């Protein structure tokens, strides 16, 4: 585990930013704490947060508990915390001027319409796959993977595609630390196959009776990694249906990769 350090200069600047009327001090501390979660440092311990915002650990524990209660933080294992699904959802509501969502949304809607199935876009954030957009079909299917929901990267078609197209260094660290030893060899082989063929599929890995296919929209770049997926109950997989859905997903992904190619 890489040890993160806080420079005296940074700590001093953070501490001074918390100064202000006593009535706003707690709010300032909450904002300063949330501000520590970045692409480079998506998880933190209480000790790191205490050093970063220059407040006692007991205070950080209280702030973390409050943020967890409101879905703004969640546990990330090993006494670490990461942004919760509510923050992620809020982030995608507050769209930037050049938002990838503006590019993928029409294609996602076309995929849902063409397949008559639920279509999703997933993004890797930290060590999780997060559903960032979803278009329902005419006969909605009950999925636990709703917008803002996080999932492990080794469970489900879309999540595995994100992991497969992550950097080799990240992929190996994830497998070595977060995947049970008995599953690692099979997972590595599956990820190699996903990269070779350009798509992945899963059967009842996230929700019972649900089949899904997924393809990469954007391999990991500047902290961004995206996948597109369709999901449906396996009883609707009539002969030839699996190949049809897989092809539609691959075509949608290829179209979007072409659109994303010019982005820096």
C-alpha atoms as a PDB file:
ATOM      1  CA  UNK A   1       0.000   0.000   0.000  1.00  0.00           C
ATOM      2  CA  UNK A   2       1.438   3.380  -1.018  1.00  0.00           C
ATOM      3  CA  UNK A   3       1.812   5.781   1.871  1.00  0.00           C
ATOM      4  CA  UNK A   4       0.383   9.213   1.172  1.00  0.00           C
ATOM      5  CA  UNK A   5       2.072  12.197   2.813  1.00  0.00           C
ATOM      6  CA  UNK A   6       0.794  15.703   3.412  1.00  0.00           C
ATOM      7  CA  UNK A   7       3.347  18.460   3.044  1.00  0.00           C
ATOM      8  CA  UNK A   8       3.555  21.128   5.794  1.00  0.00           C
ATOM      9  CA  UNK A   9       2.803  23.760   3.173  1.00  0.00           C
ATOM     10  CA  UNK A  10      -0.373  21.963   2.044  1.00  0.00           C
ATOM     11  CA  UNK A  11      -1.470  21.213   5.599  1.00  0.00           C
ATOM     12  CA  UNK A  12      -0.998  24.832   6.599  1.00  0.00           C
ATOM     13  CA  UNK A  13      -2.975  26.077   3.640  1.00  0.00           C
ATOM     14  CA  UNK A  14      -5.775  23.592   4.357  1.00  0.00           C
ATOM     15  CA  UNK A  15      -5.871  24.547   8.013  1.00  0.00           C
ATOM     16  CA  UNK A  16      -6.078  28.232   7.236  1.00  0.00           C
ATOM     17  CA  UNK A  17      -8.935  27.604   4.802  1.00  0.00           C
ATOM     18  CA  UNK A  18     -10.963  26.249   7.705  1.00  0.00           C
ATOM     19  CA  UNK A  19     -10.754  29.473   9.633  1.00  0.00           C
ATOM     20  CA  UNK A  20     -13.934  31.470   9.823  1.00  0.00           C
ATOM     21  CA  UNK A  21     -16.993  32.119  11.962  1.00  0.00           C
ATOM     22  CA  UNK A  22     -17.597  29.299  14.433  1.00  0.00           C
ATOM     23  CA  UNK A  23     -21.043  28.670  12.997  1.00  0.00           C
ATOM     24  CA  UNK A  24     -19.544  27.695   9.630  1.00  0.00           C
ATOM     25  CA  UNK A  25     -16.524  25.763  10.881  1.00  0.00           C
ATOM     26  CA  UNK A  26     -18.157  22.329  10.723  1.00  0.00           C
ATOM     27  CA  UNK A  27     -19.420  22.994   7.209  1.00  0.00           C
ATOM     28  CA  UNK A  28     -15.967  24.111   6.113  1.00  0.00           C
ATOM     29  CA  UNK A  29     -14.466  20.963   7.601  1.00  0.00           C
ATOM     30  CA  UNK A  30     -16.971  18.752   5.777  1.00  0.00           C
ATOM     31  CA  UNK A  31     -16.190  20.438   2.463  1.00  0.00           C
ATOM     32  CA  UNK A  32     -12.449  20.274   3.093  1.00  0.00           C
ATOM     33  CA  UNK A  33     -12.734  16.566   3.903  1.00  0.00           C
ATOM     34  CA  UNK A  34     -14.694  15.795   0.727  1.00  0.00           C
ATOM     35  CA  UNK A  35     -12.171  17.806  -1.284  1.00  0.00           C
ATOM     36  CA  UNK A  36      -9.441  15.288  -0.390  1.00  0.00           C
ATOM     37  CA  UNK A  37     -11.030  12.578  -2.570  1.00  0.00           C
ATOM     38  CA  UNK A  38      -9.525  12.896  -6.042  1.00  0.00           C
ATOM     39  CA  UNK A  39      -8.758  10.675  -9.027  1.00  0.00           C
ATOM     40  CA  UNK A  40      -5.194  10.316  -7.745  1.00  0.00           C
ATOM     41  CA  UNK A  41      -6.323   9.565  -4.166  1.00  0.00           C
ATOM     42  CA  UNK A  42      -9.839   8.022  -4.352  1.00  0.00           C
ATOM     43  CA  UNK A  43      -9.625   6.415  -0.893  1.00  0.00           C
ATOM     44  CA  UNK A  44      -8.417   7.673   2.484  1.00  0.00           C
ATOM     45  CA  UNK A  45      -8.016   6.517   6.056  1.00  0.00           C
ATOM     46  CA  UNK A  46      -9.125   8.603   9.012  1.00  0.00           C
ATOM     47  CA  UNK A  47      -5.467   9.236   9.796  1.00  0.00           C
ATOM     48  CA  UNK A  48      -4.790  10.645   6.323  1.00  0.00           C
ATOM     49  CA  UNK A  49      -7.881  12.831   6.455  1.00  0.00           C
ATOM     50  CA  UNK A  50      -6.947  14.089   9.907  1.00  0.00           C
ATOM     51  CA  UNK A  51      -3.519  15.159   8.620  1.00  0.00           C
ATOM     52  CA  UNK A  52      -4.929  16.642   5.402  1.00  0.00           C
ATOM     53  CA  UNK A  53      -7.491  18.958   7.009  1.00  0.00           C
ATOM     54  CA  UNK A  54      -5.558  19.467  10.262  1.00  0.00           C
ATOM     55  CA  UNK A  55      -8.244  18.375  12.717  1.00  0.00           C
ATOM     56  CA  UNK A  56      -8.196  15.638  15.397  1.00  0.00           C
ATOM     57  CA  UNK A  57      -9.044  12.078  14.422  1.00  0.00           C
ATOM     58  CA  UNK A  58     -12.029  12.113  16.774  1.00  0.00           C
ATOM     59  CA  UNK A  59     -13.478  15.007  14.754  1.00  0.00           C
ATOM     60  CA  UNK A  60     -12.798  13.210  11.487  1.00  0.00           C
ATOM     61  CA  UNK A  61     -14.634  10.137  12.778  1.00  0.00           C
ATOM     62  CA  UNK A  62     -17.688  12.309  13.481  1.00  0.00           C
ATOM     63  CA  UNK A  63     -17.516  13.937  10.047  1.00  0.00           C
ATOM     64  CA  UNK A  64     -17.109  10.581   8.307  1.00  0.00           C
ATOM     65  CA  UNK A  65     -20.075   9.132  10.212  1.00  0.00           C
ATOM     66  CA  UNK A  66     -22.248  12.066   9.155  1.00  0.00           C
ATOM     67  CA  UNK A  67     -21.206  11.767   5.507  1.00  0.00           C
ATOM     68  CA  UNK A  68     -21.776   7.994   5.530  1.00  0.00           C
ATOM     69  CA  UNK A  69     -25.269   8.481   6.932  1.00  0.00           C
ATOM     70  CA  UNK A  70     -26.109  10.697   3.947  1.00  0.00           C
ATOM     71  CA  UNK A  71     -24.555   8.407   1.316  1.00  0.00           C
ATOM     72  CA  UNK A  72     -21.679  10.785   0.600  1.00  0.00           C
ATOM     73  CA  UNK A  73     -18.989   8.396   1.824  1.00  0.00           C
ATOM     74  CA  UNK A  74     -18.795   4.619   2.044  1.00  0.00           C
ATOM     75  CA  UNK A  75     -16.317   2.070   3.358  1.00  0.00           C
ATOM     76  CA  UNK A  76     -13.683   0.894   0.883  1.00  0.00           C
ATOM     77  CA  UNK A  77     -12.067  -1.848   2.992  1.00  0.00           C
ATOM     78  CA  UNK A  78      -8.923  -1.858   5.128  1.00  0.00           C
ATOM     79  CA  UNK A  79     -10.243   1.024   7.256  1.00  0.00           C
ATOM     80  CA  UNK A  80     -10.422   3.245   4.196  1.00  0.00           C
ATOM     81  CA  UNK A  81     -13.259   5.363   2.812  1.00  0.00           C
ATOM     82  CA  UNK A  82     -14.304   6.467  -0.665  1.00  0.00           C
ATOM     83  CA  UNK A  83     -16.970   8.715  -2.154  1.00  0.00           C
ATOM     84  CA  UNK A  84     -20.448   7.228  -1.892  1.00  0.00           C
ATOM     85  CA  UNK A  85     -22.975   6.713  -4.686  1.00  0.00           C
ATOM     86  CA  UNK A  86     -24.853   9.913  -3.868  1.00  0.00           C
ATOM     87  CA  UNK A  87     -21.766  12.030  -4.572  1.00  0.00           C
ATOM     88  CA  UNK A  88     -21.148  10.184  -7.821  1.00  0.00           C
ATOM     89  CA  UNK A  89     -24.726  10.710  -8.950  1.00  0.00           C
ATOM     90  CA  UNK A  90     -24.534  14.401  -8.035  1.00  0.00           C
ATOM     91  CA  UNK A  91     -21.329  14.705 -10.028  1.00  0.00           C
ATOM     92  CA  UNK A  92     -22.981  13.426 -13.160  1.00  0.00           C
ATOM     93  CA  UNK A  93     -25.980  15.705 -12.674  1.00  0.00           C
ATOM     94  CA  UNK A  94     -23.599  18.665 -12.582  1.00  0.00           C
ATOM     95  CA  UNK A  95     -22.410  18.172 -16.133  1.00  0.00           C
ATOM     96  CA  UNK A  96     -19.345  19.975 -17.433  1.00  0.00           C
ATOM     97  CA  UNK A  97     -19.425  22.011 -20.659  1.00  0.00           C
ATOM     98  CA  UNK A  98     -17.821  19.155 -22.572  1.00  0.00           C
ATOM     99  CA  UNK A  99     -19.534  16.127 -21.101  1.00  0.00           C
ATOM    100  CA  UNK A 100     -19.009  12.629 -22.389  1.00  0.00           C
ATOM    101  CA  UNK A 101     -22.597  11.939 -21.378  1.00  0.00           C
ATOM    102  CA  UNK A 102     -23.790  14.292 -24.099  1.00  0.00           C
ATOM    103  CA  UNK A 103     -22.007  12.022 -26.584  1.00  0.00           C
ATOM    104  CA  UNK A 104     -22.956   8.615 -25.250  1.00  0.00           C
ATOM    105  CA  UNK A 105     -26.606   9.315 -24.361  1.00  0.00           C
ATOM    106  CA  UNK A 106     -28.046   9.235 -27.929  1.00  0.00           C
ATOM    107  CA  UNK A 107     -26.158   6.018 -28.694  1.00  0.00           C
ATOM    108  CA  UNK A 108     -27.314   4.501 -25.410  1.00  0.00           C
ATOM    109  CA  UNK A 109     -30.914   5.332 -26.253  1.00  0.00           C
ATOM    110  CA  UNK A 110     -30.532   3.831 -29.726  1.00  0.00           C
ATOM    111  CA  UNK A 111     -29.056   0.642 -28.238  1.00  0.00           C
ATOM    112  CA  UNK A 112     -31.978   0.287 -25.831  1.00  0.00           C
ATOM    113  CA  UNK A 113     -34.459   0.895 -28.640  1.00  0.00           C
ATOM    114  CA  UNK A 114     -32.762  -1.448 -31.119  1.00  0.00           C
ATOM    115  CA  UNK A 115     -32.504  -4.314 -28.636  1.00  0.00           C
ATOM    116  CA  UNK A 116     -35.672  -3.601 -26.629  1.00  0.00           C
ATOM    117  CA  UNK A 117     -33.531  -4.188 -23.543  1.00  0.00           C
ATOM    118  CA  UNK A 118     -32.053  -2.084 -20.751  1.00  0.00           C
ATOM    119  CA  UNK A 119     -28.786  -0.368 -21.741  1.00  0.00           C
ATOM    120  CA  UNK A 120     -26.189   1.004 -19.326  1.00  0.00           C
ATOM    121  CA  UNK A 121     -22.937   2.952 -19.288  1.00  0.00           C
ATOM    122  CA  UNK A 122     -20.430   2.078 -16.577  1.00  0.00           C
ATOM    123  CA  UNK A 123     -17.342   3.888 -15.386  1.00  0.00           C
ATOM    124  CA  UNK A 124     -14.444   2.755 -13.225  1.00  0.00           C
ATOM    125  CA  UNK A 125     -14.038   4.967 -10.177  1.00  0.00           C
ATOM    126  CA  UNK A 126     -11.388   3.831  -7.736  1.00  0.00           C
ATOM    127  CA  UNK A 127     -11.736   0.081  -7.301  1.00  0.00           C
ATOM    128  CA  UNK A 128     -15.404  -0.030  -8.304  1.00  0.00           C
ATOM    129  CA  UNK A 129     -17.588  -0.103 -11.389  1.00  0.00           C
ATOM    130  CA  UNK A 130     -20.240   2.618 -11.189  1.00  0.00           C
ATOM    131  CA  UNK A 131     -23.403   2.807 -13.271  1.00  0.00           C
ATOM    132  CA  UNK A 132     -23.427   6.383 -14.592  1.00  0.00           C
ATOM    133  CA  UNK A 133     -26.316   6.204 -17.059  1.00  0.00           C
ATOM    134  CA  UNK A 134     -29.158   3.818 -17.820  1.00  0.00           C
ATOM    135  CA  UNK A 135     -31.970   3.659 -20.377  1.00  0.00           C
ATOM    136  CA  UNK A 136     -34.889   1.349 -19.689  1.00  0.00           C
ATOM    137  CA  UNK A 137     -36.593  -0.776 -22.323  1.00  0.00           C
ATOM    138  CA  UNK A 138     -40.363  -1.075 -22.868  1.00  0.00           C
ATOM    139  CA  UNK A 139     -40.459  -3.929 -20.356  1.00  0.00           C
ATOM    140  CA  UNK A 140     -38.180  -2.735 -17.537  1.00  0.00           C
ATOM    141  CA  UNK A 141     -36.110  -5.373 -15.808  1.00  0.00           C
ATOM    142  CA  UNK A 142     -35.321  -5.303 -12.126  1.00  0.00           C
ATOM    143  CA  UNK A 143     -31.569  -4.691 -11.826  1.00  0.00           C
ATOM    144  CA  UNK A 144     -29.619  -3.861  -8.691  1.00  0.00           C
ATOM    145  CA  UNK A 145     -27.163  -1.908 -10.852  1.00  0.00           C
ATOM    146  CA  UNK A 146     -28.883   1.488 -10.745  1.00  0.00           C
ATOM    147  CA  UNK A 147     -27.328   4.872 -11.513  1.00  0.00           C
ATOM    148  CA  UNK A 148     -24.828   5.690  -8.789  1.00  0.00           C
ATOM    149  CA  UNK A 149     -24.563   2.098  -7.577  1.00  0.00           C
ATOM    150  CA  UNK A 150     -21.059   0.672  -7.176  1.00  0.00           C
ATOM    151  CA  UNK A 151     -20.010  -2.915  -7.908  1.00  0.00           C
ATOM    152  CA  UNK A 152     -16.747  -4.872  -7.673  1.00  0.00           C
ATOM    153  CA  UNK A 153     -14.729  -4.848 -10.881  1.00  0.00           C
ATOM    154  CA  UNK A 154     -14.592  -8.641 -11.072  1.00  0.00           C
ATOM    155  CA  UNK A 155     -18.374  -9.184 -11.070  1.00  0.00           C
ATOM    156  CA  UNK A 156     -20.575  -8.740 -14.141  1.00  0.00           C
ATOM    157  CA  UNK A 157     -19.900  -8.172 -17.829  1.00  0.00           C
ATOM    158  CA  UNK A 158     -19.523  -4.381 -17.750  1.00  0.00           C
ATOM    159  CA  UNK A 159     -17.341  -4.356 -14.658  1.00  0.00           C
ATOM    160  CA  UNK A 160     -15.015  -7.009 -16.086  1.00  0.00           C
ATOM    161  CA  UNK A 161     -14.693  -5.061 -19.332  1.00  0.00           C
ATOM    162  CA  UNK A 162     -13.587  -2.027 -17.303  1.00  0.00           C
ATOM    163  CA  UNK A 163     -11.017  -4.140 -15.473  1.00  0.00           C
ATOM    164  CA  UNK A 164      -9.830  -5.822 -18.674  1.00  0.00           C
ATOM    165  CA  UNK A 165      -9.120  -2.478 -20.325  1.00  0.00           C
ATOM    166  CA  UNK A 166      -7.415  -0.940 -17.297  1.00  0.00           C
ATOM    167  CA  UNK A 167      -3.639  -0.620 -17.229  1.00  0.00           C
ATOM    168  CA  UNK A 168      -1.760  -3.888 -16.605  1.00  0.00           C
ATOM    169  CA  UNK A 169      -0.311  -2.441 -13.401  1.00  0.00           C
ATOM    170  CA  UNK A 170      -3.693  -1.489 -11.995  1.00  0.00           C
ATOM    171  CA  UNK A 171      -5.291  -4.752 -13.114  1.00  0.00           C
ATOM    172  CA  UNK A 172      -2.656  -6.855 -11.360  1.00  0.00           C
ATOM    173  CA  UNK A 173      -2.848  -4.809  -8.163  1.00  0.00           C
ATOM    174  CA  UNK A 174      -6.616  -5.165  -8.096  1.00  0.00           C
ATOM    175  CA  UNK A 175      -6.520  -8.915  -8.646  1.00  0.00           C
ATOM    176  CA  UNK A 176      -3.766  -9.452  -6.087  1.00  0.00           C
ATOM    177  CA  UNK A 177      -5.502  -7.451  -3.356  1.00  0.00           C
ATOM    178  CA  UNK A 178      -9.249  -7.680  -3.952  1.00  0.00           C
ATOM    179  CA  UNK A 179      -9.917 -11.018  -5.679  1.00  0.00           C
ATOM    180  CA  UNK A 180      -9.954 -14.288  -3.684  1.00  0.00           C
ATOM    181  CA  UNK A 181      -6.871 -16.357  -4.513  1.00  0.00           C
ATOM    182  CA  UNK A 182      -8.935 -19.252  -5.816  1.00  0.00           C
ATOM    183  CA  UNK A 183     -10.545 -17.046  -8.478  1.00  0.00           C
ATOM    184  CA  UNK A 184      -7.477 -15.214  -9.768  1.00  0.00           C
ATOM    185  CA  UNK A 185      -6.271 -17.605 -12.465  1.00  0.00           C
ATOM    186  CA  UNK A 186      -9.706 -17.962 -14.081  1.00  0.00           C
ATOM    187  CA  UNK A 187     -10.288 -14.202 -13.901  1.00  0.00           C
ATOM    188  CA  UNK A 188      -6.957 -13.390 -15.574  1.00  0.00           C
ATOM    189  CA  UNK A 189      -7.814 -15.806 -18.398  1.00  0.00           C
ATOM    190  CA  UNK A 190     -11.261 -14.250 -18.793  1.00  0.00           C
ATOM    191  CA  UNK A 191      -9.833 -10.720 -18.886  1.00  0.00           C
ATOM    192  CA  UNK A 192      -7.326 -11.752 -21.574  1.00  0.00           C
ATOM    193  CA  UNK A 193     -10.195 -13.190 -23.603  1.00  0.00           C
ATOM    194  CA  UNK A 194     -12.243  -9.986 -23.220  1.00  0.00           C
ATOM    195  CA  UNK A 195      -9.344  -7.905 -24.555  1.00  0.00           C
ATOM    196  CA  UNK A 196      -8.766 -10.307 -27.450  1.00  0.00           C
ATOM    197  CA  UNK A 197     -12.404 -10.403 -28.585  1.00  0.00           C
ATOM    198  CA  UNK A 198     -13.388  -6.866 -27.533  1.00  0.00           C
ATOM    199  CA  UNK A 199     -16.436  -7.817 -25.450  1.00  0.00           C
ATOM    200  CA  UNK A 200     -17.530  -9.738 -22.377  1.00  0.00           C
ATOM    201  CA  UNK A 201     -20.667 -11.400 -21.072  1.00  0.00           C
ATOM    202  CA  UNK A 202     -21.958 -12.647 -17.753  1.00  0.00           C
ATOM    203  CA  UNK A 203     -24.704 -14.904 -16.454  1.00  0.00           C
ATOM    204  CA  UNK A 204     -26.323 -14.248 -13.053  1.00  0.00           C
ATOM    205  CA  UNK A 205     -23.151 -12.684 -11.637  1.00  0.00           C
ATOM    206  CA  UNK A 206     -24.828  -9.527 -10.329  1.00  0.00           C
ATOM    207  CA  UNK A 207     -28.536 -10.413 -10.259  1.00  0.00           C
ATOM    208  CA  UNK A 208     -30.087 -13.896 -10.395  1.00  0.00           C
ATOM    209  CA  UNK A 209     -31.387 -14.822 -13.828  1.00  0.00           C
ATOM    210  CA  UNK A 210     -29.830 -11.802 -15.573  1.00  0.00           C
ATOM    211  CA  UNK A 211     -27.580 -12.114 -18.628  1.00  0.00           C
ATOM    212  CA  UNK A 212     -25.483  -9.195 -19.833  1.00  0.00           C
ATOM    213  CA  UNK A 213     -23.089  -8.296 -22.633  1.00  0.00           C
ATOM    214  CA  UNK A 214     -20.653  -5.379 -22.567  1.00  0.00           C
ATOM    215  CA  UNK A 215     -17.949  -3.692 -24.637  1.00  0.00           C
ATOM    216  CA  UNK A 216     -15.361  -1.019 -23.952  1.00  0.00           C
ATOM    217  CA  UNK A 217     -16.103   2.619 -24.821  1.00  0.00           C
ATOM    218  CA  UNK A 218     -12.834   4.008 -23.548  1.00  0.00           C
ATOM    219  CA  UNK A 219      -9.815   2.144 -22.237  1.00  0.00           C
ATOM    220  CA  UNK A 220      -8.276   3.738 -19.165  1.00  0.00           C
ATOM    221  CA  UNK A 221      -7.079   7.240 -19.994  1.00  0.00           C
ATOM    222  CA  UNK A 222      -6.554  10.187 -17.667  1.00  0.00           C
ATOM    223  CA  UNK A 223      -8.428   8.333 -14.944  1.00  0.00           C
ATOM    224  CA  UNK A 224     -11.414   7.661 -17.213  1.00  0.00           C
ATOM    225  CA  UNK A 225     -12.565   4.197 -18.253  1.00  0.00           C
ATOM    226  CA  UNK A 226     -16.007   3.483 -19.742  1.00  0.00           C
ATOM    227  CA  UNK A 227     -18.053   0.493 -20.894  1.00  0.00           C
ATOM    228  CA  UNK A 228     -21.506   0.017 -22.422  1.00  0.00           C
ATOM    229  CA  UNK A 229     -23.767  -2.921 -21.642  1.00  0.00           C
ATOM    230  CA  UNK A 230     -27.177  -4.473 -22.223  1.00  0.00           C
ATOM    231  CA  UNK A 231     -28.882  -6.599 -19.581  1.00  0.00           C
ATOM    232  CA  UNK A 232     -31.994  -8.769 -19.624  1.00  0.00           C
ATOM    233  CA  UNK A 233     -33.601 -11.820 -18.014  1.00  0.00           C
ATOM    234  CA  UNK A 234     -32.106 -14.985 -19.460  1.00  0.00           C
ATOM    235  CA  UNK A 235     -35.549 -16.364 -20.317  1.00  0.00           C
ATOM    236  CA  UNK A 236     -35.667 -13.814 -23.157  1.00  0.00           C
ATOM    237  CA  UNK A 237     -32.528 -15.304 -24.730  1.00  0.00           C
ATOM    238  CA  UNK A 238     -34.268 -17.033 -27.613  1.00  0.00           C
ATOM    239  CA  UNK A 239     -32.124 -18.818 -30.260  1.00  0.00           C
ATOM    240  CA  UNK A 240     -29.784 -16.316 -31.905  1.00  0.00           C
ATOM    241  CA  UNK A 241     -30.746 -13.577 -29.444  1.00  0.00           C
ATOM    242  CA  UNK A 242     -27.431 -13.695 -27.575  1.00  0.00           C
ATOM    243  CA  UNK A 243     -25.443 -13.058 -30.774  1.00  0.00           C
ATOM    244  CA  UNK A 244     -27.835 -10.276 -31.821  1.00  0.00           C
ATOM    245  CA  UNK A 245     -27.483  -8.426 -28.515  1.00  0.00           C
ATOM    246  CA  UNK A 246     -23.736  -8.894 -28.450  1.00  0.00           C
ATOM    247  CA  UNK A 247     -23.380  -7.496 -31.985  1.00  0.00           C
ATOM    248  CA  UNK A 248     -25.567  -4.476 -31.203  1.00  0.00           C
ATOM    249  CA  UNK A 249     -23.493  -3.712 -28.102  1.00  0.00           C
ATOM    250  CA  UNK A 250     -20.201  -4.028 -29.987  1.00  0.00           C
ATOM    251  CA  UNK A 251     -21.454  -1.721 -32.771  1.00  0.00           C
ATOM    252  CA  UNK A 252     -22.648   0.901 -30.271  1.00  0.00           C
ATOM    253  CA  UNK A 253     -19.284   0.775 -28.511  1.00  0.00           C
ATOM    254  CA  UNK A 254     -17.374   1.151 -31.794  1.00  0.00           C
ATOM    255  CA  UNK A 255     -19.481   4.180 -32.763  1.00  0.00           C
ATOM    256  CA  UNK A 256     -18.787   5.873 -29.446  1.00  0.00           C
ATOM    257  CA  UNK A 257     -15.075   5.077 -29.481  1.00  0.00           C
ATOM    258  CA  UNK A 258     -14.854   6.903 -32.804  1.00  0.00           C
ATOM    259  CA  UNK A 259     -16.561   9.932 -31.233  1.00  0.00           C
ATOM    260  CA  UNK A 260     -14.343   9.843 -28.166  1.00  0.00           C
ATOM    261  CA  UNK A 261     -11.140   9.497 -30.212  1.00  0.00           C
ATOM    262  CA  UNK A 262     -10.735  13.258 -30.677  1.00  0.00           C
ATOM    263  CA  UNK A 263     -11.061  14.022 -26.966  1.00  0.00           C
ATOM    264  CA  UNK A 264      -7.907  14.823 -25.027  1.00  0.00           C
END
